[in-house]
Amino acid sequence: MNHRDVMAAMLGVPPENVQVITRFLGSGFGGKLWPWPHAMLAAASARNLNRPVKLVVSRSMMFQSVGHRPTIDQRVQLAADKSGKLLAIQHDYVNHTSMLDDYDEGCAESTGFMYSCPNVLATSGLVRRNVGTPTSMRGPGAVPGLYALESAMDELAIKLDIDPVQLRLLNEPEKDESTGQPFSSRHLKECLTVGAEKFGWAKRNPAVGLMKDAEGRTLGWGVAACTWIATRTEAEVNVELRQDGAARVACGTQDIGTGTYTAVAQMVSHETGLPLQRIDVVIGDSALPPGPISGGSWATASVVPAALQAAQQARKQLLSLATKTDGCPFKGKNADELEFVDGVVRIKGQASGALPFAEILKAANVRSVSGTGKSVGLFGDPNQKLSFHSFGAQFAEVTWQPETARLHVSRVVTVIDAGRMINPRAARNQIEGAVVMGVGMAMLEATEYDHRSGAPINASLADYIVAVNADCPAIDVTFLDYPDFNLNPLGARGVGEIGLAGIAAAIANAVHHATGIRVRNLPIRIEDLLVSPREKKLV
């Protein structure tokens, strides 16, 4: 919908004259969150030539023309008493942006509510460079911000000789201290304790470099907490019960590879009892009822209220029709006496005499009944009474072989508190994928710029290193089941980005545990670990 409106404004035509169709979009990850100039160029060219135009953005062009995560410089200072209670946090950061746009990465987004602390100061700044405009790559704000904060918490734990898990448990807040609001749902302490048990944290020797695996490799264990904002935006959904016994669900949102088609079908199935194979989900078209943007891991939570309301409205229309149709056994009944369960209409609590809803529509000579539902947005609402966030804990194991300078992330345990999982399989896939992205963030990925032109030097998948199968650790994902009914009727929150938050910090903390070297620049490079004993003491 945003793409349609921007396109209409740029082309100087009414929004109803623009239709944007995106049935499937793999790997959205922020870069495809906003309209970019090439889309307008394609439309303008097609209009001027009066013929279809296909425009393809090359991989090297994508490094400059569709956004990127900016270079970020952060400074975190922590103060605590001897028991480990935090007394002060200062989080300063600057990020680069283009000459034209004011893009702020928002690295201190979670600093004010992550832990209980009476004195918190966060500052930010922009550095303008001759580079393309950055954008909201997966996990803006909290992901790079938590790398700095959670690395600092690990350093503090070592300084105070306190277990890193216990330090985090000790500083658990009772409310969101950045706003004074109570948390809608927060189970970070359980994430940490469950994760510690599953990971085997009690067996950790805190001394640097002394833990070994069966093959003699040095082990490093690290932990980090994570969080992500939970909210919902405006959405509209239409549900149609058809004469062929199927349902059609329509919403102008999109599937960016996260399983939106399935999740929307599951919502309607939950309300109607129809099997998933009898629910036709239609999304990815601006001609449909306006849906939410696929950003911030908010789409599912936003669609839930609208989809349930639409299904309820369609059910209401169906039951009303059943009481008015000649030849229908329910004619003359009060609609309140009926129920729609598992695709059939029946007297409440009576299995006998049930009639498939398709038969009622046929008897009434009606092709379909429908209902429309709307979700009210919470994001940016000044009257919001609760603090909505998801939380989690990341535990990482690395193996280090100094003889061959080989560093590998071997194991990750992640425990996530993100409300009810609409589709646990898809949700687990989201977290696993985010963990692999975290391995790339921590150890592999970096854009190198030519200082003469501002253009990326390694603008191809041959030169820009991403994680492959050999880099993937064993991943154990656990979801805590605490539905957040304050957010929506199913208690669901998003899971796309929280899986990436905290991973880089957990890996960096594990690297320090294995090597004694604190690497503060990402990605961690082998040359960072090949230092002399004297240099190691200075790190």
Protein backbone atom coordinates (compact mmCIF):
# COMPACT_ATOMS: atom_id res chain seq x y z
CA MET A 1 0.00 0.00 0.00
CA ASN A 2 2.86 2.36 0.80
CA HIS A 3 4.51 1.46 -2.50
CA ARG A 4 1.28 2.24 -4.34
CA ASP A 5 0.87 5.62 -2.66
CA VAL A 6 4.49 6.65 -3.27
CA MET A 7 4.29 5.48 -6.88
CA ALA A 8 1.12 7.48 -7.45
CA ALA A 9 2.66 10.61 -5.97
CA MET A 10 5.84 10.28 -8.05
CA LEU A 11 3.91 9.62 -11.28
CA GLY A 12 1.30 12.30 -10.59
CA VAL A 13 -1.72 10.00 -10.85
CA PRO A 14 -4.51 9.03 -8.41
CA PRO A 15 -3.69 6.02 -6.16
CA GLU A 16 -6.57 4.07 -7.71
CA ASN A 17 -4.71 4.22 -11.04
CA VAL A 18 -1.76 2.29 -9.58
CA GLN A 19 -1.76 -1.41 -8.77
CA VAL A 20 1.22 -3.09 -7.12
CA ILE A 21 1.28 -6.90 -7.25
CA THR A 22 3.74 -8.98 -5.26
CA ARG A 23 2.42 -12.51 -4.80
CA PHE A 24 5.67 -13.84 -3.34
CA LEU A 25 8.71 -11.92 -2.20
CA GLY A 26 11.55 -14.03 -0.84
CA SER A 27 13.94 -12.62 1.73
CA GLY A 28 12.51 -9.16 2.35
CA PHE A 29 14.81 -8.33 5.31
CA GLY A 30 14.29 -4.57 5.31
CA GLY A 31 15.95 -3.76 2.02
CA LYS A 32 12.62 -4.30 0.27
CA LEU A 33 10.65 -2.48 2.96
CA TRP A 34 10.47 0.85 1.11
CA PRO A 35 9.99 1.92 -2.52
CA TRP A 36 13.27 2.63 -4.29
CA PRO A 37 13.92 4.82 -7.36
CA HIS A 38 14.26 1.96 -9.85
CA ALA A 39 10.57 1.06 -9.38
CA MET A 40 9.53 4.58 -10.36
CA LEU A 41 11.93 4.52 -13.31
CA ALA A 42 10.40 1.29 -14.59
CA ALA A 43 6.86 2.65 -14.34
CA ALA A 44 7.77 5.99 -15.93
CA SER A 45 9.59 4.20 -18.77
CA ALA A 46 6.61 1.92 -19.39
CA ARG A 47 4.28 4.90 -19.52
CA ASN A 48 6.54 6.84 -21.89
CA LEU A 49 7.13 3.85 -24.18
CA ASN A 50 3.54 2.60 -23.91
CA ARG A 51 4.75 -0.95 -23.45
CA PRO A 52 5.72 -3.25 -20.54
CA VAL A 53 9.17 -2.69 -19.07
CA LYS A 54 11.15 -5.13 -16.95
CA LEU A 55 13.89 -3.60 -14.82
CA VAL A 56 16.45 -5.80 -13.08
CA VAL A 57 18.73 -4.45 -10.37
CA SER A 58 22.10 -6.20 -10.46
CA ARG A 59 23.77 -7.47 -7.30
CA SER A 60 26.42 -4.75 -7.37
CA MET A 61 23.74 -2.08 -7.86
CA MET A 62 21.85 -3.40 -4.85
CA PHE A 63 24.79 -2.50 -2.60
CA GLN A 64 24.09 1.17 -3.31
CA SER A 65 20.53 1.60 -4.55
CA VAL A 66 18.33 -0.38 -2.13
CA GLY A 67 19.83 0.50 1.23
CA HIS A 68 22.20 -1.19 3.65
CA ARG A 69 22.97 -1.29 7.34
CA PRO A 70 25.12 1.76 8.06
CA THR A 71 28.55 1.76 9.61
CA ILE A 72 28.01 2.34 13.33
CA ASP A 73 30.38 3.51 16.06
CA GLN A 74 29.15 2.87 19.62
CA ARG A 75 30.44 3.59 23.11
CA VAL A 76 28.88 1.97 26.16
CA GLN A 77 29.84 2.80 29.74
CA LEU A 78 28.45 0.87 32.71
CA ALA A 79 28.69 1.51 36.43
CA ALA A 80 27.65 -0.98 39.11
CA ASP A 81 28.15 -1.62 42.79
CA LYS A 82 30.10 -4.63 44.06
CA SER A 83 27.00 -6.80 44.13
CA GLY A 84 26.44 -6.21 40.42
CA LYS A 85 23.48 -3.83 40.62
CA LEU A 86 23.70 -1.35 37.79
CA LEU A 87 24.07 2.28 38.81
CA ALA A 88 24.49 3.99 35.44
CA ILE A 89 24.42 3.25 31.71
CA GLN A 90 25.64 5.59 29.01
CA HIS A 91 25.15 4.55 25.40
CA ASP A 92 26.47 6.83 22.65
CA TYR A 93 26.38 5.99 18.97
CA VAL A 94 26.82 7.55 15.56
CA ASN A 95 26.01 6.04 12.20
CA HIS A 96 26.80 7.10 8.69
CA THR A 97 24.08 8.27 6.33
CA SER A 98 23.94 9.74 2.85
CA MET A 99 24.18 13.43 2.06
CA LEU A 100 20.43 13.55 1.39
CA ASP A 101 18.68 11.51 4.09
CA ASP A 102 18.61 11.57 7.90
CA TYR A 103 18.74 7.85 8.63
CA ASP A 104 19.22 7.07 12.33
CA GLU A 105 19.84 3.42 13.18
CA GLY A 106 18.38 3.83 16.68
CA CYS A 107 20.96 1.69 18.50
CA ALA A 108 19.80 2.78 21.98
CA GLU A 109 16.25 1.57 21.30
CA SER A 110 16.36 -1.09 24.02
CA THR A 111 18.95 0.43 26.37
CA GLY A 112 16.40 2.16 28.60
CA PHE A 113 14.26 -0.88 29.42
CA MET A 114 16.56 -3.89 29.08
CA TYR A 115 17.80 -3.70 32.67
CA SER A 116 16.90 -1.86 35.85
CA CYS A 117 19.16 1.15 36.22
CA PRO A 118 18.48 4.52 37.90
CA ASN A 119 20.68 6.57 35.57
CA VAL A 120 20.57 6.06 31.80
CA LEU A 121 21.84 8.41 29.13
CA ALA A 122 21.66 7.70 25.40
CA THR A 123 22.95 9.98 22.66
CA SER A 124 23.07 9.68 18.90
CA GLY A 125 24.58 11.42 15.92
CA LEU A 126 24.75 11.22 12.13
CA VAL A 127 27.85 11.32 9.97
CA ARG A 128 27.16 12.30 6.37
CA ARG A 129 29.16 10.49 3.73
CA ASN A 130 29.08 10.15 -0.05
CA VAL A 131 27.36 6.78 0.13
CA GLY A 132 23.90 5.49 -0.64
CA THR A 133 21.15 5.99 1.92
CA PRO A 134 21.06 3.26 4.61
CA THR A 135 17.81 1.53 5.46
CA SER A 136 16.10 -0.73 7.98
CA MET A 137 18.00 -3.92 7.42
CA ARG A 138 16.78 -6.87 9.46
CA GLY A 139 16.77 -5.84 13.08
CA PRO A 140 17.54 -2.12 12.98
CA GLY A 141 18.28 -0.50 16.30
CA ALA A 142 18.15 -3.34 18.80
CA VAL A 143 20.39 -5.73 16.85
CA PRO A 144 23.54 -3.57 16.61
CA GLY A 145 22.66 -1.82 19.87
CA LEU A 146 22.47 -5.06 21.83
CA TYR A 147 25.80 -6.18 20.39
CA ALA A 148 27.39 -3.24 22.21
CA LEU A 149 25.29 -3.40 25.39
CA GLU A 150 25.50 -7.19 25.85
CA SER A 151 29.24 -7.22 25.16
CA ALA A 152 29.62 -4.55 27.83
CA MET A 153 27.52 -6.60 30.27
CA ASP A 154 29.88 -9.52 29.71
CA GLU A 155 32.90 -7.31 30.44
CA LEU A 156 31.20 -6.04 33.60
CA ALA A 157 30.49 -9.59 34.78
CA ILE A 158 34.16 -10.49 34.37
CA LYS A 159 35.26 -7.32 36.14
CA LEU A 160 32.97 -8.08 39.11
CA ASP A 161 33.67 -11.84 39.04
CA ILE A 162 29.95 -12.56 38.66
CA ASP A 163 28.45 -15.18 36.39
CA PRO A 164 27.14 -13.41 33.23
CA VAL A 165 23.72 -15.06 33.54
CA GLN A 166 23.42 -14.09 37.19
CA LEU A 167 24.39 -10.49 36.43
CA ARG A 168 21.49 -10.21 34.01
CA LEU A 169 19.06 -11.87 36.42
CA LEU A 170 20.18 -9.50 39.18
CA ASN A 171 19.23 -6.45 37.11
CA GLU A 172 15.75 -7.50 36.04
CA PRO A 173 13.37 -4.49 36.03
CA GLU A 174 9.82 -4.57 37.38
CA LYS A 175 8.57 -2.22 34.65
CA ASP A 176 9.74 -0.41 31.53
CA GLU A 177 11.90 2.22 33.21
CA SER A 178 12.21 4.24 30.00
CA THR A 179 8.46 4.99 29.98
CA GLY A 180 7.22 4.01 33.42
CA GLN A 181 4.73 1.59 31.83
CA PRO A 182 4.25 -1.99 32.99
CA PHE A 183 5.36 -4.65 30.56
CA SER A 184 2.52 -6.35 28.76
CA SER A 185 4.49 -9.57 29.03
CA ARG A 186 8.12 -10.13 30.01
CA HIS A 187 9.72 -13.48 30.79
CA LEU A 188 13.40 -12.75 30.23
CA LYS A 189 14.43 -14.37 33.51
CA GLU A 190 12.85 -17.64 32.41
CA CYS A 191 14.51 -17.35 29.00
CA LEU A 192 17.88 -17.08 30.74
CA THR A 193 17.31 -19.91 33.21
CA VAL A 194 15.77 -22.29 30.67
CA GLY A 195 18.51 -21.49 28.17
CA ALA A 196 21.23 -22.01 30.77
CA GLU A 197 19.83 -25.41 31.66
CA LYS A 198 19.47 -26.55 28.05
CA PHE A 199 22.94 -25.27 27.17
CA GLY A 200 24.61 -26.84 30.20
CA TRP A 201 25.83 -23.48 31.49
CA ALA A 202 26.44 -24.88 35.00
CA LYS A 203 29.42 -26.82 33.60
CA ARG A 204 31.10 -23.64 32.38
CA ASN A 205 34.58 -22.95 33.71
CA PRO A 206 34.83 -19.13 33.74
CA ALA A 207 38.62 -19.22 33.31
CA VAL A 208 39.75 -18.22 29.82
CA GLY A 209 40.84 -20.97 27.45
CA LEU A 210 40.60 -23.93 29.83
CA MET A 211 37.52 -25.69 28.46
CA LYS A 212 38.21 -28.35 25.80
CA ASP A 213 36.04 -30.61 23.69
CA ALA A 214 36.67 -34.31 22.97
CA GLU A 215 38.94 -33.42 20.07
CA GLY A 216 41.11 -31.08 22.11
CA ARG A 217 39.74 -27.84 20.67
CA THR A 218 39.37 -24.88 23.00
CA LEU A 219 35.75 -24.11 23.83
CA GLY A 220 34.27 -20.70 24.47
CA TRP A 221 30.80 -20.16 25.91
CA GLY A 222 28.96 -16.86 25.72
CA VAL A 223 25.53 -15.54 26.58
CA ALA A 224 23.50 -12.47 25.66
CA ALA A 225 19.96 -11.32 26.31
CA CYS A 226 17.80 -10.01 23.48
CA THR A 227 14.61 -8.08 22.91
CA TRP A 228 12.45 -6.72 20.11
CA ILE A 229 9.54 -4.32 19.96
CA ALA A 230 6.06 -5.86 19.66
CA THR A 231 3.19 -3.87 18.25
CA ARG A 232 0.59 -3.84 15.52
CA THR A 233 -0.38 -1.46 12.73
CA GLU A 234 -3.64 -0.81 10.88
CA ALA A 235 -4.94 -3.68 8.78
CA GLU A 236 -8.10 -4.75 7.00
CA VAL A 237 -9.13 -8.30 6.07
CA ASN A 238 -12.08 -9.70 4.13
CA VAL A 239 -13.28 -13.28 4.69
CA GLU A 240 -15.72 -14.89 2.28
CA LEU A 241 -17.53 -18.19 2.87
CA ARG A 242 -18.34 -19.62 -0.56
CA GLN A 243 -20.93 -21.98 -1.97
CA ASP A 244 -18.22 -24.50 -2.90
CA GLY A 245 -17.51 -25.08 0.80
CA ALA A 246 -14.28 -23.12 0.86
CA ALA A 247 -13.29 -19.79 2.34
CA ARG A 248 -11.44 -16.92 0.70
CA VAL A 249 -9.31 -14.54 2.78
CA ALA A 250 -8.10 -11.30 1.21
CA CYS A 251 -5.65 -8.77 2.60
CA GLY A 252 -3.29 -6.34 0.92
CA THR A 253 -0.23 -7.49 2.81
CA GLN A 254 2.59 -9.65 1.44
CA ASP A 255 4.64 -12.76 2.11
CA ILE A 256 8.35 -11.93 2.32
CA GLY A 257 9.33 -15.53 2.88
CA THR A 258 7.99 -15.69 6.44
CA GLY A 259 4.91 -17.83 5.86
CA THR A 260 2.21 -15.16 5.86
CA TYR A 261 -0.03 -17.24 3.59
CA THR A 262 -0.08 -20.09 6.08
CA ALA A 263 -0.41 -17.90 9.16
CA VAL A 264 -3.43 -16.05 7.73
CA ALA A 265 -5.06 -19.35 6.78
CA GLN A 266 -4.48 -20.66 10.29
CA MET A 267 -6.19 -17.63 11.81
CA VAL A 268 -9.34 -18.21 9.74
CA SER A 269 -9.19 -21.94 10.41
CA HIS A 270 -9.04 -21.18 14.13
CA GLU A 271 -12.26 -19.18 13.90
CA THR A 272 -14.23 -21.32 11.41
CA GLY A 273 -12.92 -24.83 11.92
CA LEU A 274 -12.30 -25.22 8.19
CA PRO A 275 -9.22 -27.26 7.26
CA LEU A 276 -6.32 -25.27 5.79
CA GLN A 277 -6.75 -26.87 2.37
CA ARG A 278 -10.24 -25.32 2.18
CA ILE A 279 -8.99 -21.78 2.82
CA ASP A 280 -7.80 -19.72 -0.13
CA VAL A 281 -5.52 -16.86 0.98
CA VAL A 282 -5.17 -13.95 -1.45
CA ILE A 283 -2.52 -11.35 -0.58
CA GLY A 284 0.17 -9.37 -2.37
CA ASP A 285 -2.05 -6.98 -4.31
CA SER A 286 -2.77 -3.31 -3.57
CA ALA A 287 -6.29 -3.79 -4.99
CA LEU A 288 -7.15 -5.83 -1.87
CA PRO A 289 -8.22 -4.43 1.51
CA PRO A 290 -5.27 -2.47 2.93
CA GLY A 291 -2.93 -4.64 4.96
CA PRO A 292 0.07 -3.99 7.19
CA ILE A 293 3.60 -3.36 6.09
CA SER A 294 5.98 -6.31 6.50
CA GLY A 295 8.42 -4.57 8.78
CA GLY A 296 9.37 -4.67 12.43
CA SER A 297 8.06 -8.26 12.72
CA TRP A 298 4.59 -6.70 13.07
CA ALA A 299 2.60 -8.17 10.17
CA THR A 300 1.22 -11.30 11.88
CA ALA A 301 0.24 -9.49 15.09
CA SER A 302 -1.45 -6.79 12.98
CA VAL A 303 -3.48 -9.19 10.85
CA VAL A 304 -4.77 -11.29 13.78
CA PRO A 305 -7.53 -8.95 15.05
CA ALA A 306 -8.71 -8.08 11.53
CA ALA A 307 -8.79 -11.70 10.35
CA LEU A 308 -10.67 -12.95 13.40
CA GLN A 309 -13.16 -10.09 13.22
CA ALA A 310 -13.74 -10.71 9.51
CA ALA A 311 -14.32 -14.43 10.09
CA GLN A 312 -16.73 -13.63 12.92
CA GLN A 313 -18.67 -11.20 10.70
CA ALA A 314 -18.89 -13.81 7.93
CA ARG A 315 -20.11 -16.37 10.45
CA LYS A 316 -22.74 -13.92 11.71
CA GLN A 317 -24.00 -13.39 8.15
CA LEU A 318 -24.13 -17.15 7.60
CA LEU A 319 -26.13 -17.88 10.76
CA SER A 320 -28.54 -15.06 9.99
CA LEU A 321 -29.04 -16.48 6.50
CA ALA A 322 -29.71 -19.95 7.93
CA THR A 323 -32.64 -18.62 9.99
CA LYS A 324 -34.28 -16.99 6.96
CA THR A 325 -33.85 -19.59 4.18
CA ASP A 326 -36.78 -21.69 3.01
CA GLY A 327 -36.12 -25.42 3.28
CA CYS A 328 -33.38 -24.89 5.80
CA PRO A 329 -33.94 -26.82 9.07
CA PHE A 330 -32.91 -23.73 11.03
CA LYS A 331 -35.51 -21.38 9.52
CA GLY A 332 -37.34 -19.49 12.21
CA LYS A 333 -34.69 -20.12 14.79
CA ASN A 334 -32.89 -17.30 16.53
CA ALA A 335 -29.33 -16.88 15.24
CA ASP A 336 -28.10 -16.91 18.84
CA GLU A 337 -29.29 -20.51 19.10
CA LEU A 338 -26.94 -21.62 16.31
CA GLU A 339 -23.20 -22.15 16.05
CA PHE A 340 -20.75 -22.56 13.19
CA VAL A 341 -18.30 -25.35 14.05
CA ASP A 342 -15.91 -27.25 11.78
CA GLY A 343 -17.60 -25.98 8.64
CA VAL A 344 -21.14 -26.92 9.66
CA VAL A 345 -24.06 -25.05 11.19
CA ARG A 346 -25.92 -26.69 14.05
CA ILE A 347 -27.97 -26.04 17.17
CA LYS A 348 -25.52 -25.10 19.92
CA GLY A 349 -24.10 -28.20 21.57
CA GLN A 350 -26.01 -30.63 19.33
CA ALA A 351 -24.01 -32.71 16.88
CA SER A 352 -27.13 -34.16 15.25
CA GLY A 353 -28.86 -32.16 12.57
CA ALA A 354 -25.69 -30.33 11.54
CA LEU A 355 -25.68 -28.93 8.00
CA PRO A 356 -22.57 -28.00 5.97
CA PHE A 357 -22.54 -24.26 5.40
CA ALA A 358 -22.27 -24.80 1.63
CA GLU A 359 -25.70 -26.48 1.67
CA ILE A 360 -27.21 -23.45 3.38
CA LEU A 361 -25.76 -21.13 0.73
CA LYS A 362 -27.06 -23.37 -2.05
CA ALA A 363 -30.53 -23.49 -0.49
CA ALA A 364 -30.54 -19.71 -0.25
CA ASN A 365 -29.20 -19.43 -3.82
CA VAL A 366 -26.39 -17.25 -2.49
CA ARG A 367 -22.87 -17.59 -3.85
CA SER A 368 -21.19 -16.41 -0.67
CA VAL A 369 -21.41 -14.46 2.57
CA SER A 370 -18.58 -12.26 3.72
CA GLY A 371 -17.29 -10.18 6.57
CA THR A 372 -14.69 -7.45 6.94
CA GLY A 373 -12.50 -6.85 9.95
CA LYS A 374 -10.18 -4.03 10.86
CA SER A 375 -7.21 -3.85 13.19
CA VAL A 376 -6.46 -0.61 15.00
CA GLY A 377 -2.78 0.29 15.10
CA LEU A 378 -0.89 0.67 18.38
CA PHE A 379 2.46 1.83 17.06
CA GLY A 380 3.08 5.42 18.08
CA ASP A 381 -0.15 5.63 20.09
CA PRO A 382 0.49 8.26 22.82
CA ASN A 383 -2.28 6.75 24.95
CA GLN A 384 -0.72 3.30 25.05
CA LYS A 385 -0.79 1.97 28.62
CA LEU A 386 1.59 -0.99 28.30
CA SER A 387 5.11 -1.65 27.06
CA PHE A 388 5.00 -4.32 24.34
CA HIS A 389 8.21 -6.24 23.69
CA SER A 390 9.45 -9.75 23.10
CA PHE A 391 12.47 -11.11 24.93
CA GLY A 392 14.96 -13.93 24.66
CA ALA A 393 18.32 -15.37 25.59
CA GLN A 394 21.11 -16.48 23.26
CA PHE A 395 23.78 -18.99 24.27
CA ALA A 396 26.67 -19.63 21.89
CA GLU A 397 29.57 -22.07 21.82
CA VAL A 398 32.66 -21.54 19.68
CA THR A 399 35.62 -23.81 19.06
CA TRP A 400 39.06 -22.28 18.68
CA GLN A 401 42.14 -23.99 17.24
CA PRO A 402 45.06 -21.55 17.60
CA GLU A 403 47.44 -23.93 15.81
CA THR A 404 45.48 -23.56 12.58
CA ALA A 405 43.74 -20.27 13.40
CA ARG A 406 40.33 -21.90 12.98
CA LEU A 407 37.32 -20.36 14.72
CA HIS A 408 33.88 -21.93 14.38
CA VAL A 409 30.48 -21.39 15.97
CA SER A 410 29.56 -24.94 16.89
CA ARG A 411 26.37 -24.65 18.92
CA VAL A 412 23.62 -22.13 19.69
CA VAL A 413 20.75 -22.43 22.16
CA THR A 414 18.11 -19.74 21.90
CA VAL A 415 15.03 -19.32 24.08
CA ILE A 416 12.39 -16.85 22.92
CA ASP A 417 9.45 -15.27 24.75
CA ALA A 418 7.32 -13.97 21.86
CA GLY A 419 3.77 -14.84 22.79
CA ARG A 420 1.82 -17.61 21.08
CA MET A 421 3.31 -19.15 17.98
CA ILE A 422 0.68 -19.20 15.22
CA ASN A 423 2.87 -21.55 13.20
CA PRO A 424 5.63 -23.08 15.37
CA ARG A 425 7.45 -24.65 12.40
CA ALA A 426 7.64 -21.40 10.47
CA ALA A 427 8.56 -19.52 13.65
CA ARG A 428 11.40 -21.93 14.39
CA ASN A 429 12.60 -21.54 10.82
CA GLN A 430 12.60 -17.76 11.34
CA ILE A 431 14.78 -18.04 14.44
CA GLU A 432 17.15 -20.56 12.87
CA GLY A 433 17.58 -18.33 9.84
CA ALA A 434 18.20 -15.33 12.07
CA VAL A 435 20.85 -17.25 14.02
CA VAL A 436 22.68 -18.03 10.78
CA MET A 437 22.46 -14.35 9.87
CA GLY A 438 23.93 -13.63 13.30
CA VAL A 439 26.89 -15.87 12.49
CA GLY A 440 27.41 -13.80 9.36
CA MET A 441 27.12 -10.56 11.32
CA ALA A 442 29.60 -11.73 13.96
CA MET A 443 32.23 -13.42 11.83
CA LEU A 444 31.87 -12.85 8.09
CA GLU A 445 29.91 -9.91 6.74
CA ALA A 446 31.29 -6.45 6.04
CA THR A 447 31.01 -3.97 3.19
CA GLU A 448 34.32 -2.41 2.19
CA TYR A 449 34.12 1.04 0.58
CA ASP A 450 36.38 2.70 -1.94
CA HIS A 451 37.31 5.97 -0.21
CA ARG A 452 37.76 7.67 -3.56
CA SER A 453 34.23 7.05 -4.83
CA GLY A 454 32.13 5.88 -1.89
CA ALA A 455 31.23 2.76 -3.87
CA PRO A 456 31.42 -0.71 -2.29
CA ILE A 457 34.47 -2.68 -3.35
CA ASN A 458 33.12 -6.14 -2.54
CA ALA A 459 29.74 -5.70 -4.19
CA SER A 460 29.14 -9.31 -5.24
CA LEU A 461 28.43 -12.61 -3.57
CA ALA A 462 31.90 -13.73 -4.61
CA ASP A 463 33.49 -10.99 -2.50
CA TYR A 464 30.87 -10.27 0.17
CA ILE A 465 31.10 -13.26 2.49
CA VAL A 466 27.89 -14.75 3.87
CA ALA A 467 27.36 -17.86 5.98
CA VAL A 468 27.05 -21.15 4.09
CA ASN A 469 26.13 -24.63 5.30
CA ALA A 470 29.60 -25.27 6.70
CA ASP A 471 29.29 -22.18 8.90
CA CYS A 472 25.95 -23.14 10.42
CA PRO A 473 26.02 -24.31 14.04
CA ALA A 474 23.72 -26.82 15.67
CA ILE A 475 20.71 -24.70 16.65
CA ASP A 476 18.30 -25.47 19.49
CA VAL A 477 15.23 -23.21 19.55
CA THR A 478 12.76 -23.09 22.44
CA PHE A 479 9.63 -20.93 22.60
CA LEU A 480 8.08 -20.03 25.93
CA ASP A 481 4.30 -20.25 25.71
CA TYR A 482 3.00 -16.99 27.19
CA PRO A 483 0.29 -15.59 24.88
CA ASP A 484 0.12 -11.79 24.98
CA PHE A 485 -3.62 -11.16 24.84
CA ASN A 486 -3.08 -7.45 25.44
CA LEU A 487 -1.67 -7.24 21.92
CA ASN A 488 -4.29 -9.27 20.05
CA PRO A 489 -6.91 -11.99 20.68
CA LEU A 490 -4.55 -14.86 19.82
CA GLY A 491 -1.69 -13.50 21.92
CA ALA A 492 0.77 -13.61 18.99
CA ARG A 493 3.83 -11.41 18.54
CA GLY A 494 6.39 -11.37 15.71
CA VAL A 495 9.52 -13.54 15.71
CA GLY A 496 11.44 -12.53 12.58
CA GLU A 497 13.98 -10.14 14.00
CA ILE A 498 14.40 -11.06 17.65
CA GLY A 499 16.30 -14.18 16.58
CA LEU A 500 19.08 -11.97 15.22
CA ALA A 501 19.27 -9.76 18.31
CA GLY A 502 21.97 -10.79 20.76
CA ILE A 503 23.58 -13.50 18.62
CA ALA A 504 26.64 -11.47 17.64
CA ALA A 505 27.21 -10.47 21.26
CA ALA A 506 26.89 -14.07 22.49
CA ILE A 507 29.43 -15.18 19.88
CA ALA A 508 31.84 -12.35 20.71
CA ASN A 509 31.53 -13.16 24.41
CA ALA A 510 32.23 -16.82 23.65
CA VAL A 511 35.30 -15.82 21.62
CA HIS A 512 36.64 -13.89 24.61
CA HIS A 513 36.01 -16.89 26.86
CA ALA A 514 38.00 -19.09 24.47
CA THR A 515 40.85 -16.71 23.60
CA GLY A 516 40.99 -13.98 26.23
CA ILE A 517 40.71 -11.39 23.47
CA ARG A 518 37.85 -8.91 23.47
CA VAL A 519 37.03 -8.03 19.87
CA ARG A 520 34.88 -4.94 19.65
CA ASN A 521 34.73 -4.60 15.86
CA LEU A 522 32.53 -6.76 13.68
CA PRO A 523 33.11 -9.02 11.95
CA ILE A 524 35.58 -10.85 14.18
CA ARG A 525 38.58 -11.55 12.00
CA ILE A 526 41.23 -14.19 12.52
CA GLU A 527 43.91 -11.51 12.56
CA ASP A 528 42.18 -10.03 15.61
CA LEU A 529 42.95 -13.26 17.47
CA LEU A 530 46.54 -13.73 16.32
CA VAL A 531 48.23 -11.38 18.75
CA SER A 532 51.26 -11.73 20.97
CA PRO A 533 50.88 -12.50 24.71
CA ARG A 534 51.85 -8.89 25.51
CA GLU A 535 49.26 -7.52 23.09
CA LYS A 536 46.64 -9.87 24.55
CA LYS A 537 47.13 -8.31 27.98
CA LEU A 538 46.48 -4.88 26.50
CA VAL A 539 43.23 -5.90 24.80
